[in-house]
Amino acid sequence: MTNYKKLVHFFGECDLDLSKSFNQVYKKAFDISENCGYWVTKYTSKQFPRESKITLYGNEGQAFQLWFLDGKFKLIIFKEGTETKVVTQIPSGEGTGYGGYFSSW
């Protein structure tokens, strides 16, 4: 069952529950990308094995990098063109509803 208070909308059909583990979020993002034409990559550092990243590439030149530490979501980095910024950092993993992780926007 989806907890809509923790669902995050990135673009198009890419809605992810960031309260889930790294592997669960990656699997969901990959499934969405296969059906909608997005591109998703994952990376785990050999130097820092506790740190993992998922990068979501949309059709409009936007990219979101989701950072995880010990399998739990920590922060989002947004990139569009030459602009790159940390969107938000959520230590508790609590959102405020659909799109709640982007409350600073």
Protein backbone atom coordinates (compact mmCIF):
# COMPACT_ATOMS: atom_id res chain seq x y z
CA MET A 1 0.00 0.00 0.00
CA THR A 2 1.28 3.44 -0.91
CA ASN A 3 1.70 6.01 1.84
CA TYR A 4 0.82 9.20 -0.05
CA LYS A 5 2.26 11.41 2.71
CA LYS A 6 5.70 10.09 1.77
CA LEU A 7 5.27 10.10 -2.02
CA VAL A 8 7.51 12.53 -3.93
CA HIS A 9 6.76 13.76 -7.45
CA PHE A 10 9.88 14.39 -9.56
CA PHE A 11 8.52 14.73 -13.11
CA GLY A 12 5.95 13.09 -15.38
CA GLU A 13 5.02 9.72 -13.93
CA CYS A 14 8.06 9.51 -11.66
CA ASP A 15 6.59 9.46 -8.13
CA LEU A 16 8.72 7.73 -5.49
CA ASP A 17 8.34 6.90 -1.80
CA LEU A 18 11.67 8.01 -0.31
CA SER A 19 10.90 6.37 3.03
CA LYS A 20 11.71 3.04 1.33
CA SER A 21 15.22 1.54 1.14
CA PHE A 22 17.74 2.38 -1.58
CA ASN A 23 17.05 -0.91 -3.40
CA GLN A 24 13.27 -0.47 -3.24
CA VAL A 25 13.44 3.11 -4.53
CA TYR A 26 15.80 2.08 -7.34
CA LYS A 27 13.56 -0.80 -8.40
CA LYS A 28 10.48 1.45 -8.51
CA ALA A 29 12.37 4.21 -10.38
CA PHE A 30 13.73 1.68 -12.88
CA ASP A 31 10.26 0.18 -13.46
CA ILE A 32 8.84 3.67 -14.11
CA SER A 33 11.73 4.53 -16.45
CA GLU A 34 11.19 1.35 -18.48
CA ASN A 35 7.53 2.27 -19.04
CA CYS A 36 7.90 6.02 -19.56
CA GLY A 37 11.18 6.51 -21.40
CA TYR A 38 13.18 8.02 -18.54
CA TRP A 39 16.73 7.05 -17.68
CA VAL A 40 17.76 5.90 -14.19
CA THR A 41 21.23 5.00 -12.93
CA LYS A 42 22.53 3.85 -9.56
CA TYR A 43 25.96 4.12 -8.02
CA THR A 44 27.56 2.81 -4.84
CA SER A 45 30.98 4.19 -3.99
CA LYS A 46 33.80 1.70 -3.50
CA GLN A 47 35.62 4.26 -1.40
CA PHE A 48 32.53 5.08 0.70
CA PRO A 49 30.40 1.90 0.62
CA ARG A 50 27.79 3.33 3.00
CA GLU A 51 26.90 5.98 0.39
CA SER A 52 24.68 5.20 -2.62
CA LYS A 53 23.08 7.40 -5.28
CA ILE A 54 20.21 7.10 -7.73
CA THR A 55 20.08 9.57 -10.62
CA LEU A 56 16.79 10.25 -12.41
CA TYR A 57 16.94 11.85 -15.87
CA GLY A 58 13.71 13.35 -17.22
CA ASN A 59 12.74 14.19 -20.78
CA GLU A 60 13.08 17.95 -20.26
CA GLY A 61 16.80 18.03 -19.38
CA GLN A 62 16.21 17.82 -15.64
CA ALA A 63 18.09 15.44 -13.38
CA PHE A 64 17.63 14.57 -9.73
CA GLN A 65 20.28 12.75 -7.74
CA LEU A 66 18.97 10.97 -4.64
CA TRP A 67 21.62 10.34 -1.98
CA PHE A 68 21.29 7.48 0.49
CA LEU A 69 23.41 6.64 3.52
CA ASP A 70 23.23 3.09 4.88
CA GLY A 71 20.29 2.45 2.53
CA LYS A 72 18.20 5.38 3.83
CA PHE A 73 17.36 8.55 1.93
CA LYS A 74 19.32 11.67 2.93
CA LEU A 75 19.15 14.42 0.30
CA ILE A 76 18.28 15.45 -3.25
CA ILE A 77 20.44 17.36 -5.72
CA PHE A 78 18.67 18.98 -8.67
CA LYS A 79 20.31 19.83 -11.98
CA GLU A 80 18.92 21.64 -14.99
CA GLY A 81 21.29 22.95 -17.61
CA THR A 82 24.20 24.52 -15.74
CA GLU A 83 22.22 25.03 -12.51
CA THR A 84 22.90 22.57 -9.69
CA LYS A 85 21.55 22.87 -6.16
CA VAL A 86 20.69 20.85 -3.09
CA VAL A 87 16.91 20.85 -3.01
CA THR A 88 16.36 19.66 0.51
CA GLN A 89 17.74 17.51 3.25
CA ILE A 90 15.35 15.43 5.35
CA PRO A 91 16.94 13.69 8.34
CA SER A 92 13.63 12.20 9.53
CA GLY A 93 12.45 11.07 6.09
CA GLU A 94 9.07 12.71 6.74
CA GLY A 95 7.36 14.61 3.95
CA THR A 96 4.32 16.84 4.13
CA GLY A 97 2.29 15.05 1.51
CA TYR A 98 2.46 14.71 -2.26
CA GLY A 99 5.56 16.57 -3.31
CA GLY A 100 6.28 17.38 0.34
CA TYR A 101 10.02 16.91 0.02
CA PHE A 102 10.12 20.04 -2.13
CA SER A 103 8.54 22.33 0.44
CA SER A 104 11.35 24.86 -0.14
CA TRP A 105 10.17 25.45 -3.73
